[in-house]
Amino acid sequence: MELFTFYNVENLFLPDPPPKHRLDPTKSGLRNWDEKRYKNKLFKIAHVFQLMEEEHGVLPFMIGLSEISGRKVLEELVEMEPFNSQYGIVHYNSMDERKVDVAMLYDKTKVEVIDSEAITYFFEIIDRKIGNYDTTRDVLYVKVKYKGEVINIFIAHLPSKREKDINQPKRAFILSEIRGRIMKLLNESKEHVVLCGDFNENPDDENLIKILYDNDCAKVLINPFQELFSTRNYSTFHYKSGLLFDQIILSESLFDRNLALSFDKAGVFNSEKISSRIRNFEGRPFRTYAGTRYLGGYSDHFPVFVKFKGLWTK
């Protein structure tokens, strides 16, 4: 059995240098983000994966991450238990205005990285003279080999819903571009595909329905999080609304029982230990910040996972 996990870790930044003036803006955008709070955050993110290992009996062999800033935080994370420096890192610095990136961790004893690429999207050019583009977070593409099987992985953190959802066209464009890449892979190479991320849309939204079908309207990708959403499984919340923005979508080939990897189940890892301690927010993620108020929790999202069986699994 293997686990593939995606986790939006909520602003994993290095500690801010002390401000020269009390009201100076911080690099992270967080309030009083110092060494102590950073170390606590690292410990808590590592602890999430310890809990996953305790529950499932295995650490995820691949982990998609979002809202991390720079490679250094990942290097410090994989040195900790339960990773113990056995995990590799795939990361590129994006051109996002807040400098938050997506990344992948992988078990170096199981997974071989063949290729990787940061897919950058440029939108409206604001000022050609100074090269100030309207950009967003990259989509990370990684091609790996696992037990002889080639898997193409896309990790995304799409533009947020805000201000009457002005970013909806950007999400639609990025998903359309990813869909084109996926269809080419499926048609030409017949290799497996995993698309995961924080899509800032639920599984029943039009963009995430459309991406499942090829140009002949045949279904070529399967989103197991559609069923989870219909049964009120949520990975994050906005006011009173439960949301399942975090999803893992798979090519149909990964449902073949004769492969080294075969889909078994999908889930939201919403352990009580990483959930809110406040009665009114019971069942929600125990977050690090609520606005500018420091809570000291894990993240404002729960991790999501897919469990695979293999030929060796009874």
Protein backbone atom coordinates (compact mmCIF):
# COMPACT_ATOMS: atom_id res chain seq x y z
CA MET A 1 0.00 0.00 0.00
CA GLU A 2 1.15 3.51 -0.80
CA LEU A 3 -0.18 6.97 0.03
CA PHE A 4 -0.08 10.01 -2.21
CA THR A 5 -0.82 13.21 -0.28
CA PHE A 6 -1.48 16.87 -1.00
CA TYR A 7 -1.30 19.48 1.76
CA ASN A 8 -1.78 23.25 1.73
CA VAL A 9 0.36 24.09 4.77
CA GLU A 10 -0.73 27.74 5.21
CA ASN A 11 2.19 30.14 4.81
CA LEU A 12 5.31 28.14 5.63
CA PHE A 13 7.80 31.03 5.62
CA LEU A 14 11.22 31.49 7.13
CA PRO A 15 11.13 33.80 10.18
CA ASP A 16 11.05 37.50 9.42
CA PRO A 17 14.08 39.63 10.33
CA PRO A 18 13.38 42.08 13.17
CA PRO A 19 11.70 45.21 11.72
CA LYS A 20 13.56 48.51 11.91
CA HIS A 21 10.29 50.24 12.71
CA ARG A 22 7.29 48.73 14.46
CA LEU A 23 4.86 49.36 11.61
CA ASP A 24 7.15 48.23 8.79
CA PRO A 25 5.59 45.54 6.54
CA THR A 26 7.08 42.08 6.99
CA LYS A 27 8.50 39.88 4.25
CA SER A 28 6.09 37.07 5.11
CA GLY A 29 3.06 39.31 5.52
CA LEU A 30 2.48 37.63 8.89
CA ARG A 31 2.36 39.34 12.26
CA ASN A 32 5.29 38.64 14.61
CA TRP A 33 6.55 35.71 12.52
CA ASP A 34 9.69 34.96 14.50
CA GLU A 35 12.05 31.99 14.96
CA LYS A 36 9.97 30.43 17.74
CA ARG A 37 6.76 30.48 15.71
CA TYR A 38 8.54 29.19 12.62
CA LYS A 39 10.06 26.23 14.50
CA ASN A 40 6.68 25.42 16.02
CA LYS A 41 5.15 25.47 12.55
CA LEU A 42 7.81 23.12 11.15
CA PHE A 43 7.29 20.73 14.06
CA LYS A 44 3.53 20.73 13.53
CA ILE A 45 3.73 20.05 9.79
CA ALA A 46 6.13 17.17 10.44
CA HIS A 47 3.77 15.93 13.16
CA VAL A 48 0.91 15.72 10.65
CA PHE A 49 2.87 13.15 8.67
CA GLN A 50 3.78 11.23 11.81
CA LEU A 51 0.05 10.98 12.52
CA MET A 52 -0.61 9.80 8.98
CA GLU A 53 2.02 7.11 9.36
CA GLU A 54 0.48 6.00 12.67
CA GLU A 55 -2.99 5.74 11.10
CA HIS A 56 -2.08 4.15 7.77
CA GLY A 57 1.10 2.28 8.67
CA VAL A 58 3.15 4.02 5.99
CA LEU A 59 4.42 7.50 5.16
CA PRO A 60 3.27 9.01 1.87
CA PHE A 61 5.69 8.09 -0.89
CA MET A 62 4.94 11.39 -2.64
CA ILE A 63 3.68 14.64 -1.14
CA GLY A 64 2.43 17.71 -2.97
CA LEU A 65 2.70 20.91 -0.95
CA SER A 66 1.44 24.45 -1.41
CA GLU A 67 1.96 27.78 0.37
CA ILE A 68 5.63 27.19 1.03
CA SER A 69 8.17 29.95 0.48
CA GLY A 70 11.57 28.89 -0.77
CA ARG A 71 13.60 25.70 -0.66
CA LYS A 72 15.15 26.31 2.78
CA VAL A 73 11.92 25.57 4.65
CA LEU A 74 11.64 22.25 2.80
CA GLU A 75 15.26 21.32 3.54
CA GLU A 76 14.65 21.90 7.24
CA LEU A 77 11.35 19.99 7.13
CA VAL A 78 12.79 16.81 5.55
CA GLU A 79 15.58 16.70 8.14
CA MET A 80 12.98 16.18 10.86
CA GLU A 81 11.16 13.05 11.93
CA PRO A 82 9.48 11.21 10.35
CA PHE A 83 11.35 12.09 7.12
CA ASN A 84 14.87 11.80 8.55
CA SER A 85 16.54 13.10 5.38
CA GLN A 86 15.16 10.19 3.32
CA TYR A 87 12.98 12.47 1.19
CA GLY A 88 13.98 14.40 -1.89
CA ILE A 89 12.67 17.83 -2.88
CA VAL A 90 11.36 19.19 -6.18
CA HIS A 91 10.90 22.95 -5.97
CA TYR A 92 11.18 26.08 -8.11
CA ASN A 93 10.87 29.69 -7.00
CA SER A 94 7.74 31.13 -8.57
CA MET A 95 7.06 34.71 -9.65
CA ASP A 96 4.03 34.94 -7.37
CA GLU A 97 3.82 38.36 -5.71
CA ARG A 98 3.81 36.80 -2.22
CA LYS A 99 6.63 34.39 -3.17
CA VAL A 100 4.60 31.31 -2.23
CA ASP A 101 5.30 28.16 -4.19
CA VAL A 102 4.19 24.60 -4.70
CA ALA A 103 6.61 21.72 -4.22
CA MET A 104 6.90 17.96 -4.04
CA LEU A 105 8.61 15.70 -1.51
CA TYR A 106 9.29 12.08 -2.40
CA ASP A 107 10.69 8.96 -0.76
CA LYS A 108 14.10 8.55 -2.42
CA THR A 109 14.09 4.79 -1.72
CA LYS A 110 10.94 4.29 -3.81
CA VAL A 111 10.67 7.08 -6.35
CA GLU A 112 13.02 8.20 -9.13
CA VAL A 113 12.52 11.70 -10.54
CA ILE A 114 13.02 11.66 -14.32
CA ASP A 115 12.14 15.25 -15.15
CA SER A 116 10.54 18.35 -13.66
CA GLU A 117 9.42 21.79 -14.77
CA ALA A 118 7.84 24.92 -13.31
CA ILE A 119 4.96 25.97 -15.58
CA THR A 120 4.60 29.74 -15.28
CA TYR A 121 1.55 31.71 -16.37
CA PHE A 122 1.69 35.36 -17.43
CA PHE A 123 -1.49 37.33 -17.62
CA GLU A 124 -2.06 40.99 -18.46
CA ILE A 125 1.19 42.97 -18.80
CA ILE A 126 0.93 45.90 -16.41
CA ASP A 127 4.03 47.81 -17.51
CA ARG A 128 6.22 46.61 -20.39
CA LYS A 129 9.06 48.99 -19.50
CA ILE A 130 9.76 47.50 -16.08
CA GLY A 131 8.58 44.00 -16.93
CA ASN A 132 5.89 44.00 -14.26
CA TYR A 133 3.62 41.11 -15.20
CA ASP A 134 0.44 39.90 -13.59
CA THR A 135 1.60 36.46 -12.50
CA THR A 136 0.38 33.76 -10.18
CA ARG A 137 1.78 30.64 -8.56
CA ASP A 138 3.49 28.16 -10.87
CA VAL A 139 2.13 24.73 -11.59
CA LEU A 140 4.80 22.14 -10.80
CA TYR A 141 5.23 19.27 -13.25
CA VAL A 142 7.21 16.20 -12.20
CA LYS A 143 7.76 12.95 -14.13
CA VAL A 144 8.69 10.05 -11.88
CA LYS A 145 9.27 6.33 -12.08
CA TYR A 146 7.89 3.95 -9.45
CA LYS A 147 8.34 0.16 -9.74
CA GLY A 148 8.72 0.48 -13.51
CA GLU A 149 5.63 2.68 -13.92
CA VAL A 150 5.99 6.25 -15.22
CA ILE A 151 3.73 8.80 -13.54
CA ASN A 152 3.26 12.42 -14.62
CA ILE A 153 2.36 14.66 -11.70
CA PHE A 154 0.93 18.18 -11.80
CA ILE A 155 0.74 20.16 -8.54
CA ALA A 156 -1.29 23.37 -8.58
CA HIS A 157 -2.42 26.14 -6.26
CA LEU A 158 -4.82 28.14 -8.37
CA PRO A 159 -5.69 31.83 -7.82
CA SER A 160 -7.95 32.47 -4.85
CA LYS A 161 -11.62 33.34 -4.79
CA ARG A 162 -11.85 36.98 -3.72
CA GLU A 163 -13.46 40.29 -4.70
CA LYS A 164 -16.48 38.68 -6.40
CA ASP A 165 -14.17 36.00 -7.82
CA ILE A 166 -12.25 38.15 -10.28
CA ASN A 167 -9.72 35.31 -10.58
CA GLN A 168 -12.19 32.81 -12.07
CA PRO A 169 -10.98 33.45 -15.66
CA LYS A 170 -7.39 32.83 -14.55
CA ARG A 171 -8.31 29.51 -12.97
CA ALA A 172 -10.24 28.53 -16.09
CA PHE A 173 -7.27 29.41 -18.31
CA ILE A 174 -4.72 27.52 -16.19
CA LEU A 175 -6.91 24.42 -15.97
CA SER A 176 -7.47 24.55 -19.73
CA GLU A 177 -3.71 24.69 -20.30
CA ILE A 178 -3.09 21.81 -17.89
CA ARG A 179 -5.85 19.82 -19.56
CA GLY A 180 -4.10 20.26 -22.91
CA ARG A 181 -0.85 18.91 -21.50
CA ILE A 182 -2.60 15.98 -19.85
CA MET A 183 -4.51 15.02 -22.99
CA LYS A 184 -1.29 15.05 -24.99
CA LEU A 185 0.36 12.76 -22.43
CA LEU A 186 -2.57 10.36 -22.39
CA ASN A 187 -2.82 10.24 -26.18
CA GLU A 188 0.88 10.01 -27.04
CA SER A 189 2.66 8.27 -24.17
CA LYS A 190 -0.10 6.27 -22.50
CA GLU A 191 1.54 7.12 -19.16
CA HIS A 192 -0.22 7.66 -15.84
CA VAL A 193 -1.26 11.12 -14.66
CA VAL A 194 -1.91 12.61 -11.22
CA LEU A 195 -3.26 16.16 -10.94
CA CYS A 196 -3.43 17.49 -7.40
CA GLY A 197 -3.66 20.80 -5.63
CA ASP A 198 -5.67 23.51 -4.00
CA PHE A 199 -7.90 24.43 -6.92
CA ASN A 200 -9.93 27.07 -5.06
CA GLU A 201 -12.94 25.32 -6.57
CA ASN A 202 -15.02 22.38 -5.41
CA PRO A 203 -15.17 19.09 -7.35
CA ASP A 204 -18.59 19.94 -8.80
CA ASP A 205 -17.48 23.28 -10.29
CA GLU A 206 -17.53 23.52 -14.08
CA ASN A 207 -13.76 23.85 -14.55
CA LEU A 208 -13.06 20.68 -12.59
CA ILE A 209 -15.78 18.74 -14.40
CA LYS A 210 -14.52 19.82 -17.83
CA ILE A 211 -10.95 18.71 -17.18
CA LEU A 212 -12.05 15.09 -16.76
CA TYR A 213 -13.06 14.69 -20.43
CA ASP A 214 -11.17 14.60 -23.71
CA ASN A 215 -12.18 16.42 -26.89
CA ASP A 216 -14.54 13.57 -27.82
CA CYS A 217 -16.32 13.91 -24.45
CA ALA A 218 -14.89 10.60 -23.26
CA LYS A 219 -13.97 10.50 -19.58
CA VAL A 220 -10.21 10.00 -19.22
CA LEU A 221 -9.61 11.33 -15.68
CA ILE A 222 -11.40 10.36 -12.47
CA ASN A 223 -11.84 12.64 -9.48
CA PRO A 224 -12.57 10.49 -6.40
CA PHE A 225 -13.14 13.67 -4.40
CA GLN A 226 -16.48 14.23 -6.14
CA GLU A 227 -18.04 11.50 -4.00
CA LEU A 228 -16.32 12.78 -0.86
CA PHE A 229 -17.71 16.27 -1.45
CA SER A 230 -21.21 14.91 -2.01
CA THR A 231 -20.99 13.24 1.42
CA ARG A 232 -19.85 16.50 3.09
CA ASN A 233 -16.18 15.74 3.48
CA TYR A 234 -14.34 19.07 3.55
CA SER A 235 -10.66 20.09 3.60
CA THR A 236 -11.15 23.75 4.48
CA PHE A 237 -13.86 26.22 5.47
CA HIS A 238 -14.91 29.78 4.71
CA TYR A 239 -17.22 31.24 7.32
CA LYS A 240 -20.05 28.67 7.56
CA SER A 241 -19.28 26.94 4.26
CA GLY A 242 -17.41 23.64 4.05
CA LEU A 243 -15.15 23.41 0.99
CA LEU A 244 -13.20 20.67 -0.73
CA PHE A 245 -10.75 22.80 -2.69
CA ASP A 246 -7.94 20.26 -2.12
CA GLN A 247 -8.22 17.31 -4.49
CA ILE A 248 -6.25 14.56 -6.22
CA ILE A 249 -7.40 13.62 -9.74
CA LEU A 250 -6.16 10.45 -11.46
CA SER A 251 -5.94 9.01 -14.95
CA GLU A 252 -8.20 6.00 -15.51
CA SER A 253 -5.10 3.84 -15.91
CA LEU A 254 -4.45 4.09 -12.16
CA PHE A 255 -7.64 2.10 -11.52
CA ASP A 256 -6.23 -0.99 -13.28
CA ARG A 257 -5.88 -3.78 -10.70
CA ASN A 258 -3.00 -5.35 -12.65
CA LEU A 259 -0.60 -2.45 -12.05
CA ALA A 260 2.07 -1.77 -9.45
CA LEU A 261 -0.23 1.06 -8.32
CA SER A 262 -4.00 0.74 -8.27
CA PHE A 263 -6.49 3.15 -6.68
CA ASP A 264 -8.02 1.93 -3.44
CA LYS A 265 -9.61 4.93 -1.71
CA ALA A 266 -9.41 8.70 -1.26
CA GLY A 267 -9.83 10.69 1.92
CA VAL A 268 -9.44 13.87 3.91
CA PHE A 269 -7.02 13.45 6.80
CA ASN A 270 -9.02 15.30 9.46
CA SER A 271 -7.59 13.79 12.62
CA GLU A 272 -8.88 15.35 15.85
CA LYS A 273 -5.26 16.08 16.77
CA ILE A 274 -4.94 18.62 13.94
CA SER A 275 -8.47 20.00 14.34
CA SER A 276 -9.62 23.16 16.11
CA ARG A 277 -9.81 23.14 19.90
CA ILE A 278 -12.61 25.73 19.88
CA ARG A 279 -16.11 24.29 20.27
CA ASN A 280 -17.68 26.61 17.68
CA PHE A 281 -15.09 25.46 15.12
CA GLU A 282 -15.13 21.77 15.96
CA GLY A 283 -14.23 19.60 12.97
CA ARG A 284 -12.33 22.39 11.24
CA PRO A 285 -8.55 22.62 10.78
CA PHE A 286 -6.52 24.04 13.68
CA ARG A 287 -4.99 26.93 11.80
CA THR A 288 -1.79 28.90 12.40
CA TYR A 289 -3.38 32.34 12.08
CA ALA A 290 -6.93 33.68 12.06
CA GLY A 291 -6.43 36.98 10.28
CA THR A 292 -3.58 38.64 12.20
CA ARG A 293 -4.26 36.66 15.38
CA TYR A 294 -1.74 33.88 16.04
CA LEU A 295 -3.36 30.60 17.08
CA GLY A 296 -0.31 28.34 16.84
CA GLY A 297 -2.00 25.54 14.91
CA TYR A 298 -1.11 23.44 11.90
CA SER A 299 -2.83 24.88 8.82
CA ASP A 300 -6.17 26.22 7.66
CA HIS A 301 -6.47 23.14 5.42
CA PHE A 302 -6.55 19.42 6.14
CA PRO A 303 -4.31 17.20 3.98
CA VAL A 304 -6.00 15.01 1.39
CA PHE A 305 -4.75 11.63 0.25
CA VAL A 306 -5.19 8.77 -2.17
CA LYS A 307 -4.40 5.24 -1.06
CA PHE A 308 -3.04 2.84 -3.67
CA LYS A 309 -2.87 -0.92 -3.57
CA GLY A 310 -0.16 -2.81 -5.43
CA LEU A 311 0.19 -6.23 -6.97
CA TRP A 312 1.87 -7.35 -3.76
CA THR A 313 -1.09 -6.22 -1.61
CA LYS A 314 -3.63 -8.86 -0.61
